[in-house]
Amino acid sequence: MLRLRKSLFMAEGYCVKCKAKKEIAEAVEETMKNGRKAIKGKCPTCGTVMFKILGGKGTPAPAAVPSTPPDPAAPAPTSVTSK
């Protein structure tokens, strides 16, 4: 996976107040509650908060190993008791 450094890539977003596409100043990458990545910063002209959702989800959590249900055809375990 290719990771771009902050110095090489300036995120571009849409400022609702200026009604124009601009580079996001003071950009910080965040992870939203649903796991998607986003960039949050300020408009360099007016200072309004700009937010851009990036494509793809972040690193998924490791999946738990599913337990297999017991085989109904297998004989039931017997307990051995000594006298």
Protein backbone atom coordinates (compact mmCIF):
# COMPACT_ATOMS: atom_id res chain seq x y z
CA MET A 1 0.00 0.00 0.00
CA LEU A 2 1.34 3.41 -0.94
CA ARG A 3 1.45 5.98 1.84
CA LEU A 4 1.78 9.62 0.86
CA ARG A 5 3.59 11.96 3.16
CA LYS A 6 1.93 15.11 4.35
CA SER A 7 4.57 17.29 2.70
CA LEU A 8 3.99 15.69 -0.72
CA PHE A 9 0.21 15.67 -0.67
CA MET A 10 -2.02 18.59 0.20
CA ALA A 11 -5.65 17.57 0.52
CA GLU A 12 -8.06 19.55 -1.58
CA GLY A 13 -11.60 20.10 -0.37
CA TYR A 14 -14.63 22.29 -0.99
CA CYS A 15 -15.20 25.35 1.20
CA VAL A 16 -18.93 25.92 1.60
CA LYS A 17 -18.47 29.54 2.65
CA CYS A 18 -16.16 30.54 -0.23
CA LYS A 19 -17.95 28.17 -2.64
CA ALA A 20 -14.67 27.06 -4.18
CA LYS A 21 -12.23 24.14 -4.13
CA LYS A 22 -9.15 24.91 -2.08
CA GLU A 23 -6.27 23.15 -0.37
CA ILE A 24 -7.05 22.31 3.24
CA ALA A 25 -4.79 24.20 5.65
CA GLU A 26 -3.66 22.60 8.93
CA ALA A 27 -4.91 19.23 7.65
CA VAL A 28 -5.15 16.36 10.12
CA GLU A 29 -6.08 12.80 9.16
CA GLU A 30 -8.78 11.29 11.36
CA THR A 31 -10.65 8.00 11.55
CA MET A 32 -14.43 8.29 11.83
CA LYS A 33 -16.64 6.05 13.99
CA ASN A 34 -17.45 3.79 11.04
CA GLY A 35 -13.74 3.16 10.36
CA ARG A 36 -13.37 5.39 7.32
CA LYS A 37 -10.54 7.88 7.09
CA ALA A 38 -11.10 11.60 6.67
CA ILE A 39 -9.12 14.84 6.57
CA LYS A 40 -10.13 17.80 8.70
CA GLY A 41 -8.65 21.27 8.54
CA LYS A 42 -9.36 24.92 7.79
CA CYS A 43 -9.96 27.00 4.69
CA PRO A 44 -6.82 29.09 4.04
CA THR A 45 -8.95 32.12 3.03
CA CYS A 46 -11.82 32.35 5.52
CA GLY A 47 -10.87 29.87 8.27
CA THR A 48 -14.04 27.78 8.00
CA VAL A 49 -13.67 24.13 9.01
CA MET A 50 -13.26 21.86 5.96
CA PHE A 51 -13.82 18.11 6.06
CA LYS A 52 -13.09 15.57 3.34
CA ILE A 53 -13.95 11.87 3.53
CA LEU A 54 -11.29 9.67 1.96
CA GLY A 55 -12.01 6.47 0.08
CA GLY A 56 -11.70 3.06 1.67
CA LYS A 57 -11.79 1.90 5.23
CA GLY A 58 -8.93 1.88 7.70
CA THR A 59 -7.17 -1.21 8.91
CA PRO A 60 -9.80 -3.75 9.95
CA ALA A 61 -9.68 -5.30 13.40
CA PRO A 62 -8.40 -8.88 13.46
CA ALA A 63 -11.29 -11.28 13.04
CA ALA A 64 -12.02 -13.72 15.82
CA VAL A 65 -11.75 -17.40 14.94
CA PRO A 66 -15.31 -18.74 14.70
CA SER A 67 -15.97 -21.79 16.84
CA THR A 68 -17.31 -24.79 14.96
CA PRO A 69 -20.55 -26.30 16.27
CA PRO A 70 -20.32 -29.91 17.50
CA ASP A 71 -21.01 -32.58 14.88
CA PRO A 72 -24.44 -34.13 15.61
CA ALA A 73 -23.34 -37.46 14.05
CA ALA A 74 -20.36 -37.79 16.39
CA PRO A 75 -20.82 -40.01 19.48
CA ALA A 76 -21.43 -38.18 22.72
CA PRO A 77 -18.43 -37.99 25.04
CA THR A 78 -18.61 -40.44 27.91
CA SER A 79 -17.24 -39.77 31.34
CA VAL A 80 -15.23 -42.53 32.89
CA THR A 81 -15.57 -42.91 36.62
CA SER A 82 -13.40 -45.19 38.68
CA LYS A 83 -14.82 -47.23 41.60
